[in-house]
All heavy atoms as atom14 arrays in JSON, in Angstrom:
{
  "sequence": "NKILVDAKGIENPAFNQREPNIELIVKTGNPIVLTSDGIVGGKNE",
  "atom14_mask": [
    [1, 1, 1, 1, 1, 1, 1, 1, 0, 0, 0, 0, 0, 0],
    [1, 1, 1, 1, 1, 1, 1, 1, 1, 0, 0, 0, 0, 0],
    [1, 1, 1, 1, 1, 1, 1, 1, 0, 0, 0, 0, 0, 0],
    [1, 1, 1, 1, 1, 1, 1, 1, 0, 0, 0, 0, 0, 0],
    [1, 1, 1, 1, 1, 1, 1, 0, 0, 0, 0, 0, 0, 0],
    [1, 1, 1, 1, 1, 1, 1, 1, 0, 0, 0, 0, 0, 0],
    [1, 1, 1, 1, 1, 0, 0, 0, 0, 0, 0, 0, 0, 0],
    [1, 1, 1, 1, 1, 1, 1, 1, 1, 0, 0, 0, 0, 0],
    [1, 1, 1, 1, 0, 0, 0, 0, 0, 0, 0, 0, 0, 0],
    [1, 1, 1, 1, 1, 1, 1, 1, 0, 0, 0, 0, 0, 0],
    [1, 1, 1, 1, 1, 1, 1, 1, 1, 0, 0, 0, 0, 0],
    [1, 1, 1, 1, 1, 1, 1, 1, 0, 0, 0, 0, 0, 0],
    [1, 1, 1, 1, 1, 1, 1, 0, 0, 0, 0, 0, 0, 0],
    [1, 1, 1, 1, 1, 0, 0, 0, 0, 0, 0, 0, 0, 0],
    [1, 1, 1, 1, 1, 1, 1, 1, 1, 1, 1, 0, 0, 0],
    [1, 1, 1, 1, 1, 1, 1, 1, 0, 0, 0, 0, 0, 0],
    [1, 1, 1, 1, 1, 1, 1, 1, 1, 0, 0, 0, 0, 0],
    [1, 1, 1, 1, 1, 1, 1, 1, 1, 1, 1, 0, 0, 0],
    [1, 1, 1, 1, 1, 1, 1, 1, 1, 0, 0, 0, 0, 0],
    [1, 1, 1, 1, 1, 1, 1, 0, 0, 0, 0, 0, 0, 0],
    [1, 1, 1, 1, 1, 1, 1, 1, 0, 0, 0, 0, 0, 0],
    [1, 1, 1, 1, 1, 1, 1, 1, 0, 0, 0, 0, 0, 0],
    [1, 1, 1, 1, 1, 1, 1, 1, 1, 0, 0, 0, 0, 0],
    [1, 1, 1, 1, 1, 1, 1, 1, 0, 0, 0, 0, 0, 0],
    [1, 1, 1, 1, 1, 1, 1, 1, 0, 0, 0, 0, 0, 0],
    [1, 1, 1, 1, 1, 1, 1, 0, 0, 0, 0, 0, 0, 0],
    [1, 1, 1, 1, 1, 1, 1, 1, 1, 0, 0, 0, 0, 0],
    [1, 1, 1, 1, 1, 1, 1, 0, 0, 0, 0, 0, 0, 0],
    [1, 1, 1, 1, 0, 0, 0, 0, 0, 0, 0, 0, 0, 0],
    [1, 1, 1, 1, 1, 1, 1, 1, 0, 0, 0, 0, 0, 0],
    [1, 1, 1, 1, 1, 1, 1, 0, 0, 0, 0, 0, 0, 0],
    [1, 1, 1, 1, 1, 1, 1, 1, 0, 0, 0, 0, 0, 0],
    [1, 1, 1, 1, 1, 1, 1, 0, 0, 0, 0, 0, 0, 0],
    [1, 1, 1, 1, 1, 1, 1, 1, 0, 0, 0, 0, 0, 0],
    [1, 1, 1, 1, 1, 1, 1, 0, 0, 0, 0, 0, 0, 0],
    [1, 1, 1, 1, 1, 1, 0, 0, 0, 0, 0, 0, 0, 0],
    [1, 1, 1, 1, 1, 1, 1, 1, 0, 0, 0, 0, 0, 0],
    [1, 1, 1, 1, 0, 0, 0, 0, 0, 0, 0, 0, 0, 0],
    [1, 1, 1, 1, 1, 1, 1, 1, 0, 0, 0, 0, 0, 0],
    [1, 1, 1, 1, 1, 1, 1, 0, 0, 0, 0, 0, 0, 0],
    [1, 1, 1, 1, 0, 0, 0, 0, 0, 0, 0, 0, 0, 0],
    [1, 1, 1, 1, 0, 0, 0, 0, 0, 0, 0, 0, 0, 0],
    [1, 1, 1, 1, 1, 1, 1, 1, 1, 0, 0, 0, 0, 0],
    [1, 1, 1, 1, 1, 1, 1, 1, 0, 0, 0, 0, 0, 0],
    [1, 1, 1, 1, 1, 1, 1, 1, 1, 0, 0, 0, 0, 0]
  ],
  "atom14_positions": [
    [[-131.97, 108.95, 17.9], [-133.24, 109.47, 17.42], [-132.99, 110.54, 16.37], [-131.98, 111.24, 16.43], [-134.06, 110.06, 18.57], [-135.54, 110.16, 18.28], [-135.99, 109.88, 17.18], [-136.3, 110.56, 19.28], [0.0, 0.0, 0.0], [0.0, 0.0, 0.0], [0.0, 0.0, 0.0], [0.0, 0.0, 0.0], [0.0, 0.0, 0.0], [0.0, 0.0, 0.0]],
    [[-133.89, 110.63, 15.43], [-133.88, 111.68, 14.41], [-135.27, 112.28, 14.42], [-136.24, 111.59, 14.14], [-133.52, 111.09, 13.05], [-133.43, 112.11, 11.95], [-132.78, 111.54, 10.69], [-133.72, 110.71, 9.87], [-133.16, 110.38, 8.55], [0.0, 0.0, 0.0], [0.0, 0.0, 0.0], [0.0, 0.0, 0.0], [0.0, 0.0, 0.0], [0.0, 0.0, 0.0]],
    [[-135.35, 113.56, 14.8], [-136.64, 114.21, 14.99], [-136.93, 115.14, 13.82], [-136.2, 116.11, 13.6], [-136.66, 115.01, 16.31], [-136.33, 114.1, 17.49], [-137.99, 115.71, 16.51], [-136.02, 114.84, 18.77], [0.0, 0.0, 0.0], [0.0, 0.0, 0.0], [0.0, 0.0, 0.0], [0.0, 0.0, 0.0], [0.0, 0.0, 0.0], [0.0, 0.0, 0.0]],
    [[-138.0, 114.85, 13.09], [-138.43, 115.73, 12.0], [-139.03, 116.99, 12.61], [-139.99, 116.93, 13.36], [-139.46, 115.04, 11.11], [-140.02, 115.88, 9.97], [-138.93, 116.28, 8.97], [-141.14, 115.13, 9.25], [0.0, 0.0, 0.0], [0.0, 0.0, 0.0], [0.0, 0.0, 0.0], [0.0, 0.0, 0.0], [0.0, 0.0, 0.0], [0.0, 0.0, 0.0]],
    [[-138.44, 118.15, 12.27], [-138.89, 119.41, 12.82], [-139.65, 120.22, 11.78], [-140.71, 120.76, 12.06], [-137.7, 120.24, 13.36], [-138.12, 121.62, 13.81], [-137.02, 119.49, 14.51], [0.0, 0.0, 0.0], [0.0, 0.0, 0.0], [0.0, 0.0, 0.0], [0.0, 0.0, 0.0], [0.0, 0.0, 0.0], [0.0, 0.0, 0.0], [0.0, 0.0, 0.0]],
    [[-139.1, 120.3, 10.56], [-139.73, 121.11, 9.51], [-139.4, 120.49, 8.16], [-138.22, 120.45, 7.77], [-139.22, 122.55, 9.58], [-139.96, 123.5, 8.66], [-140.53, 123.06, 7.65], [-139.95, 124.71, 8.96], [0.0, 0.0, 0.0], [0.0, 0.0, 0.0], [0.0, 0.0, 0.0], [0.0, 0.0, 0.0], [0.0, 0.0, 0.0], [0.0, 0.0, 0.0]],
    [[-140.39, 120.03, 7.44], [-140.19, 119.38, 6.15], [-139.57, 120.32, 5.11], [-138.98, 119.86, 4.14], [-141.51, 118.82, 5.63], [0.0, 0.0, 0.0], [0.0, 0.0, 0.0], [0.0, 0.0, 0.0], [0.0, 0.0, 0.0], [0.0, 0.0, 0.0], [0.0, 0.0, 0.0], [0.0, 0.0, 0.0], [0.0, 0.0, 0.0], [0.0, 0.0, 0.0]],
    [[-139.68, 121.62, 5.33], [-139.11, 122.6, 4.39], [-137.67, 122.96, 4.77], [-136.98, 123.61, 4.0], [-139.95, 123.87, 4.37], [-141.36, 123.64, 3.87], [-142.17, 124.92, 3.98], [-143.63, 124.65, 3.65], [-144.47, 125.79, 3.96], [0.0, 0.0, 0.0], [0.0, 0.0, 0.0], [0.0, 0.0, 0.0], [0.0, 0.0, 0.0], [0.0, 0.0, 0.0]],
    [[-137.25, 122.59, 5.95], [-135.91, 122.92, 6.43], [-135.98, 123.99, 7.51], [-136.81, 124.9, 7.45], [0.0, 0.0, 0.0], [0.0, 0.0, 0.0], [0.0, 0.0, 0.0], [0.0, 0.0, 0.0], [0.0, 0.0, 0.0], [0.0, 0.0, 0.0], [0.0, 0.0, 0.0], [0.0, 0.0, 0.0], [0.0, 0.0, 0.0], [0.0, 0.0, 0.0]],
    [[-135.11, 123.89, 8.47], [-135.08, 124.81, 9.61], [-134.29, 126.06, 9.21], [-133.19, 125.96, 8.68], [-134.4, 124.15, 10.83], [-135.08, 122.82, 11.17], [-134.4, 125.09, 12.02], [-134.3, 121.96, 12.14], [0.0, 0.0, 0.0], [0.0, 0.0, 0.0], [0.0, 0.0, 0.0], [0.0, 0.0, 0.0], [0.0, 0.0, 0.0], [0.0, 0.0, 0.0]],
    [[-134.86, 127.23, 9.5], [-134.15, 128.48, 9.25], [-133.57, 129.0, 10.56], [-134.27, 129.04, 11.57], [-135.11, 129.53, 8.68], [-135.54, 129.24, 7.26], [-136.32, 130.41, 6.68], [-135.85, 131.55, 6.8], [-137.39, 130.15, 6.14], [0.0, 0.0, 0.0], [0.0, 0.0, 0.0], [0.0, 0.0, 0.0], [0.0, 0.0, 0.0], [0.0, 0.0, 0.0]],
    [[-132.33, 129.39, 10.54], [-131.65, 129.99, 11.69], [-131.86, 129.23, 13.0], [-132.35, 129.78, 13.98], [-132.09, 131.45, 11.88], [-131.79, 132.29, 10.68], [-130.77, 132.12, 10.03], [-132.7, 133.2, 10.36], [0.0, 0.0, 0.0], [0.0, 0.0, 0.0], [0.0, 0.0, 0.0], [0.0, 0.0, 0.0], [0.0, 0.0, 0.0], [0.0, 0.0, 0.0]],
    [[-131.49, 127.96, 13.05], [-131.71, 127.2, 14.29], [-130.77, 127.65, 15.4], [-129.66, 128.12, 15.15], [-131.39, 125.76, 13.87], [-130.39, 125.91, 12.77], [-130.81, 127.16, 12.03], [0.0, 0.0, 0.0], [0.0, 0.0, 0.0], [0.0, 0.0, 0.0], [0.0, 0.0, 0.0], [0.0, 0.0, 0.0], [0.0, 0.0, 0.0], [0.0, 0.0, 0.0]],
    [[-131.24, 127.51, 16.62], [-130.42, 127.77, 17.81], [-131.0, 126.93, 18.95], [-132.21, 126.77, 19.05], [-130.43, 129.24, 18.17], [0.0, 0.0, 0.0], [0.0, 0.0, 0.0], [0.0, 0.0, 0.0], [0.0, 0.0, 0.0], [0.0, 0.0, 0.0], [0.0, 0.0, 0.0], [0.0, 0.0, 0.0], [0.0, 0.0, 0.0], [0.0, 0.0, 0.0]],
    [[-130.12, 126.4, 19.78], [-130.54, 125.6, 20.93], [-130.39, 126.41, 22.21], [-129.47, 127.2, 22.35], [-129.68, 124.34, 21.07], [-129.9, 123.29, 20.03], [-128.87, 122.89, 19.2], [-131.13, 122.67, 19.88], [-129.04, 121.91, 18.24], [-131.33, 121.68, 18.93], [-130.28, 121.3, 18.1], [0.0, 0.0, 0.0], [0.0, 0.0, 0.0], [0.0, 0.0, 0.0]],
    [[-131.29, 126.15, 23.16], [-131.2, 126.67, 24.52], [-131.35, 125.51, 25.48], [-132.12, 124.59, 25.24], [-132.31, 127.68, 24.83], [-132.02, 129.04, 24.28], [-130.87, 129.46, 24.19], [-133.07, 129.76, 23.91], [0.0, 0.0, 0.0], [0.0, 0.0, 0.0], [0.0, 0.0, 0.0], [0.0, 0.0, 0.0], [0.0, 0.0, 0.0], [0.0, 0.0, 0.0]],
    [[-130.63, 125.58, 26.59], [-130.74, 124.59, 27.65], [-131.89, 125.02, 28.57], [-131.86, 126.1, 29.14], [-129.43, 124.55, 28.43], [-129.35, 123.5, 29.49], [-129.28, 122.11, 28.93], [-130.17, 121.32, 29.19], [-128.26, 121.8, 28.19], [0.0, 0.0, 0.0], [0.0, 0.0, 0.0], [0.0, 0.0, 0.0], [0.0, 0.0, 0.0], [0.0, 0.0, 0.0]],
    [[-132.91, 124.21, 28.66], [-134.04, 124.45, 29.55], [-134.29, 123.14, 30.3], [-135.24, 122.42, 29.99], [-135.29, 124.87, 28.78], [-135.15, 126.17, 28.05], [-135.2, 127.36, 29.02], [-135.2, 128.6, 28.27], [-134.16, 129.44, 28.23], [-133.06, 129.15, 28.89], [-134.23, 130.55, 27.54], [0.0, 0.0, 0.0], [0.0, 0.0, 0.0], [0.0, 0.0, 0.0]],
    [[-133.41, 122.85, 31.25], [-133.44, 121.56, 31.92], [-134.83, 121.24, 32.44], [-135.48, 122.12, 32.99], [-132.43, 121.52, 33.06], [-131.01, 121.51, 32.55], [-129.98, 121.43, 33.66], [-130.34, 121.2, 34.83], [-128.8, 121.6, 33.36], [0.0, 0.0, 0.0], [0.0, 0.0, 0.0], [0.0, 0.0, 0.0], [0.0, 0.0, 0.0], [0.0, 0.0, 0.0]],
    [[-135.31, 120.03, 32.23], [-134.58, 118.89, 31.7], [-134.65, 118.79, 30.18], [-134.23, 117.8, 29.61], [-135.3, 117.7, 32.34], [-136.73, 118.16, 32.42], [-136.65, 119.65, 32.71], [0.0, 0.0, 0.0], [0.0, 0.0, 0.0], [0.0, 0.0, 0.0], [0.0, 0.0, 0.0], [0.0, 0.0, 0.0], [0.0, 0.0, 0.0], [0.0, 0.0, 0.0]],
    [[-135.17, 119.81, 29.51], [-135.37, 119.77, 28.06], [-134.37, 120.65, 27.33], [-133.63, 121.42, 27.93], [-136.79, 120.22, 27.72], [-137.85, 119.4, 28.43], [-137.79, 118.19, 28.44], [-138.79, 120.07, 29.05], [0.0, 0.0, 0.0], [0.0, 0.0, 0.0], [0.0, 0.0, 0.0], [0.0, 0.0, 0.0], [0.0, 0.0, 0.0], [0.0, 0.0, 0.0]],
    [[-134.41, 120.54, 26.01], [-133.66, 121.41, 25.12], [-134.69, 122.16, 24.28], [-135.63, 121.56, 23.78], [-132.73, 120.6, 24.18], [-131.7, 119.8, 24.99], [-132.07, 121.49, 23.14], [-130.66, 120.64, 25.7], [0.0, 0.0, 0.0], [0.0, 0.0, 0.0], [0.0, 0.0, 0.0], [0.0, 0.0, 0.0], [0.0, 0.0, 0.0], [0.0, 0.0, 0.0]],
    [[-134.51, 123.46, 24.14], [-135.37, 124.24, 23.26], [-134.66, 124.47, 21.94], [-133.48, 124.81, 21.92], [-135.67, 125.61, 23.86], [-136.72, 125.65, 24.9], [-137.05, 127.05, 25.36], [-136.29, 128.0, 25.08], [-138.08, 127.2, 26.02], [0.0, 0.0, 0.0], [0.0, 0.0, 0.0], [0.0, 0.0, 0.0], [0.0, 0.0, 0.0], [0.0, 0.0, 0.0]],
    [[-135.39, 124.28, 20.86], [-134.9, 124.63, 19.53], [-135.61, 125.91, 19.14], [-136.84, 125.95, 19.03], [-135.2, 123.52, 18.52], [-134.85, 123.85, 17.07], [-133.34, 124.04, 16.9], [-135.35, 122.76, 16.14], [0.0, 0.0, 0.0], [0.0, 0.0, 0.0], [0.0, 0.0, 0.0], [0.0, 0.0, 0.0], [0.0, 0.0, 0.0], [0.0, 0.0, 0.0]],
    [[-134.83, 126.96, 18.96], [-135.36, 128.25, 18.55], [-135.28, 128.3, 17.03], [-134.22, 128.04, 16.45], [-134.55, 129.42, 19.14], [-134.37, 129.26, 20.66], [-135.18, 130.76, 18.78], [-135.64, 129.21, 21.45], [0.0, 0.0, 0.0], [0.0, 0.0, 0.0], [0.0, 0.0, 0.0], [0.0, 0.0, 0.0], [0.0, 0.0, 0.0], [0.0, 0.0, 0.0]],
    [[-136.4, 128.61, 16.39], [-136.46, 128.7, 14.94], [-136.94, 130.09, 14.55], [-137.56, 130.79, 15.36], [-137.36, 127.6, 14.33], [-136.75, 126.23, 14.53], [-138.75, 127.64, 14.92], [0.0, 0.0, 0.0], [0.0, 0.0, 0.0], [0.0, 0.0, 0.0], [0.0, 0.0, 0.0], [0.0, 0.0, 0.0], [0.0, 0.0, 0.0], [0.0, 0.0, 0.0]],
    [[-136.67, 130.48, 13.3], [-137.0, 131.82, 12.84], [-138.49, 132.12, 12.97], [-138.88, 133.21, 13.35], [-136.54, 131.99, 11.4], [-136.72, 133.39, 10.86], [-136.17, 133.52, 9.47], [-136.37, 134.92, 8.94], [-135.86, 135.07, 7.59], [0.0, 0.0, 0.0], [0.0, 0.0, 0.0], [0.0, 0.0, 0.0], [0.0, 0.0, 0.0], [0.0, 0.0, 0.0]],
    [[-139.3, 131.14, 12.64], [-140.74, 131.36, 12.69], [-141.34, 130.54, 13.82], [-141.0, 129.38, 14.03], [-141.4, 130.9, 11.37], [-141.06, 129.54, 11.13], [-140.92, 131.75, 10.21], [0.0, 0.0, 0.0], [0.0, 0.0, 0.0], [0.0, 0.0, 0.0], [0.0, 0.0, 0.0], [0.0, 0.0, 0.0], [0.0, 0.0, 0.0], [0.0, 0.0, 0.0]],
    [[-142.23, 131.14, 14.58], [-142.96, 130.39, 15.59], [-142.29, 130.35, 16.95], [-141.25, 130.95, 17.19], [0.0, 0.0, 0.0], [0.0, 0.0, 0.0], [0.0, 0.0, 0.0], [0.0, 0.0, 0.0], [0.0, 0.0, 0.0], [0.0, 0.0, 0.0], [0.0, 0.0, 0.0], [0.0, 0.0, 0.0], [0.0, 0.0, 0.0], [0.0, 0.0, 0.0]],
    [[-142.93, 129.6, 17.83], [-142.47, 129.44, 19.21], [-141.34, 128.41, 19.28], [-141.21, 127.57, 18.39], [-143.63, 128.97, 20.08], [-144.72, 130.03, 20.19], [-144.42, 131.22, 20.24], [-145.96, 129.59, 20.22], [0.0, 0.0, 0.0], [0.0, 0.0, 0.0], [0.0, 0.0, 0.0], [0.0, 0.0, 0.0], [0.0, 0.0, 0.0], [0.0, 0.0, 0.0]],
    [[-140.57, 128.46, 20.37], [-139.53, 127.44, 20.54], [-140.14, 126.04, 20.55], [-141.26, 125.84, 21.02], [-138.92, 127.78, 21.9], [-139.29, 129.19, 22.17], [-140.59, 129.43, 21.46], [0.0, 0.0, 0.0], [0.0, 0.0, 0.0], [0.0, 0.0, 0.0], [0.0, 0.0, 0.0], [0.0, 0.0, 0.0], [0.0, 0.0, 0.0], [0.0, 0.0, 0.0]],
    [[-139.38, 125.09, 20.04], [-139.79, 123.69, 20.02], [-139.05, 123.0, 21.15], [-137.82, 123.04, 21.21], [-139.46, 123.04, 18.66], [-140.22, 123.78, 17.55], [-139.8, 121.56, 18.68], [-139.73, 123.45, 16.16], [0.0, 0.0, 0.0], [0.0, 0.0, 0.0], [0.0, 0.0, 0.0], [0.0, 0.0, 0.0], [0.0, 0.0, 0.0], [0.0, 0.0, 0.0]],
    [[-139.79, 122.39, 22.06], [-139.2, 121.76, 23.23], [-138.89, 120.3, 22.9], [-139.77, 119.55, 22.47], [-140.14, 121.86, 24.46], [-139.5, 121.21, 25.68], [-140.47, 123.33, 24.75], [0.0, 0.0, 0.0], [0.0, 0.0, 0.0], [0.0, 0.0, 0.0], [0.0, 0.0, 0.0], [0.0, 0.0, 0.0], [0.0, 0.0, 0.0], [0.0, 0.0, 0.0]],
    [[-137.62, 119.92, 23.1], [-137.14, 118.59, 22.73], [-136.63, 117.81, 23.93], [-136.09, 118.39, 24.88], [-135.99, 118.71, 21.73], [-136.24, 119.49, 20.45], [-134.94, 119.72, 19.7], [-137.23, 118.75, 19.57], [0.0, 0.0, 0.0], [0.0, 0.0, 0.0], [0.0, 0.0, 0.0], [0.0, 0.0, 0.0], [0.0, 0.0, 0.0], [0.0, 0.0, 0.0]],
    [[-136.8, 116.51, 23.85], [-136.11, 115.57, 24.73], [-135.38, 114.59, 23.81], [-135.55, 114.65, 22.58], [-137.09, 114.78, 25.63], [-137.83, 113.87, 24.82], [-138.02, 115.69, 26.4], [0.0, 0.0, 0.0], [0.0, 0.0, 0.0], [0.0, 0.0, 0.0], [0.0, 0.0, 0.0], [0.0, 0.0, 0.0], [0.0, 0.0, 0.0], [0.0, 0.0, 0.0]],
    [[-134.66, 113.67, 24.38], [-133.98, 112.67, 23.54], [-135.0, 111.76, 22.85], [-134.67, 111.11, 21.86], [-133.01, 111.84, 24.37], [-133.7, 111.2, 25.43], [0.0, 0.0, 0.0], [0.0, 0.0, 0.0], [0.0, 0.0, 0.0], [0.0, 0.0, 0.0], [0.0, 0.0, 0.0], [0.0, 0.0, 0.0], [0.0, 0.0, 0.0], [0.0, 0.0, 0.0]],
    [[-136.24, 111.75, 23.33], [-137.29, 110.92, 22.73], [-138.06, 111.62, 21.62], [-138.71, 110.96, 20.82], [-138.28, 110.45, 23.8], [-137.65, 109.49, 24.79], [-136.77, 108.71, 24.37], [-138.04, 109.52, 25.96], [0.0, 0.0, 0.0], [0.0, 0.0, 0.0], [0.0, 0.0, 0.0], [0.0, 0.0, 0.0], [0.0, 0.0, 0.0], [0.0, 0.0, 0.0]],
    [[-138.03, 112.93, 21.58], [-138.78, 113.65, 20.54], [-139.22, 115.02, 21.0], [-138.69, 115.6, 21.93], [0.0, 0.0, 0.0], [0.0, 0.0, 0.0], [0.0, 0.0, 0.0], [0.0, 0.0, 0.0], [0.0, 0.0, 0.0], [0.0, 0.0, 0.0], [0.0, 0.0, 0.0], [0.0, 0.0, 0.0], [0.0, 0.0, 0.0], [0.0, 0.0, 0.0]],
    [[-140.25, 115.52, 20.3], [-140.81, 116.82, 20.6], [-141.78, 116.66, 21.77], [-142.65, 115.78, 21.74], [-141.54, 117.41, 19.38], [-140.53, 117.63, 18.24], [-142.26, 118.71, 19.74], [-141.17, 118.03, 16.91], [0.0, 0.0, 0.0], [0.0, 0.0, 0.0], [0.0, 0.0, 0.0], [0.0, 0.0, 0.0], [0.0, 0.0, 0.0], [0.0, 0.0, 0.0]],
    [[-141.64, 117.49, 22.8], [-142.52, 117.4, 23.96], [-143.94, 117.72, 23.5], [-144.18, 118.77, 22.92], [-142.07, 118.35, 25.09], [-143.1, 118.39, 26.21], [-140.71, 117.93, 25.61], [0.0, 0.0, 0.0], [0.0, 0.0, 0.0], [0.0, 0.0, 0.0], [0.0, 0.0, 0.0], [0.0, 0.0, 0.0], [0.0, 0.0, 0.0], [0.0, 0.0, 0.0]],
    [[-144.83, 116.78, 23.75], [-146.21, 116.94, 23.33], [-146.45, 116.66, 21.86], [-147.57, 116.77, 21.39], [0.0, 0.0, 0.0], [0.0, 0.0, 0.0], [0.0, 0.0, 0.0], [0.0, 0.0, 0.0], [0.0, 0.0, 0.0], [0.0, 0.0, 0.0], [0.0, 0.0, 0.0], [0.0, 0.0, 0.0], [0.0, 0.0, 0.0], [0.0, 0.0, 0.0]],
    [[-145.41, 116.27, 21.14], [-145.54, 116.03, 19.71], [-145.65, 114.55, 19.39], [-145.55, 113.69, 20.25], [0.0, 0.0, 0.0], [0.0, 0.0, 0.0], [0.0, 0.0, 0.0], [0.0, 0.0, 0.0], [0.0, 0.0, 0.0], [0.0, 0.0, 0.0], [0.0, 0.0, 0.0], [0.0, 0.0, 0.0], [0.0, 0.0, 0.0], [0.0, 0.0, 0.0]],
    [[-145.79, 114.27, 18.1], [-145.98, 112.89, 17.66], [-144.71, 112.05, 17.77], [-144.77, 110.84, 17.8], [-146.48, 112.86, 16.21], [-145.5, 113.46, 15.22], [-146.06, 113.48, 13.84], [-145.07, 114.15, 12.9], [-145.63, 114.52, 11.66], [0.0, 0.0, 0.0], [0.0, 0.0, 0.0], [0.0, 0.0, 0.0], [0.0, 0.0, 0.0], [0.0, 0.0, 0.0]],
    [[-143.52, 112.69, 17.89], [-142.28, 111.94, 17.98], [-141.96, 111.5, 19.41], [-141.11, 110.66, 19.62], [-141.1, 112.78, 17.47], [-141.13, 112.95, 15.97], [-141.59, 112.06, 15.26], [-140.65, 114.07, 15.5], [0.0, 0.0, 0.0], [0.0, 0.0, 0.0], [0.0, 0.0, 0.0], [0.0, 0.0, 0.0], [0.0, 0.0, 0.0], [0.0, 0.0, 0.0]],
    [[-142.64, 112.09, 20.37], [-142.32, 111.78, 21.76], [-142.77, 110.36, 22.12], [-143.86, 109.95, 21.77], [-143.0, 112.78, 22.69], [-142.58, 112.61, 24.14], [-143.23, 113.63, 25.04], [-144.39, 113.99, 24.82], [-142.56, 114.04, 25.98], [0.0, 0.0, 0.0], [0.0, 0.0, 0.0], [0.0, 0.0, 0.0], [0.0, 0.0, 0.0], [0.0, 0.0, 0.0]]
  ]
}
């Protein structure tokens, strides 16, 4: 899977383990919750 997160590019990305999900921490905004299928609650899921 390839998950589009930010069309402008991600600034200062960092991952956190939040089982069963992965959080993507970005400079702006709240963490983005990911699974292998996509963004939790997002259009990629």
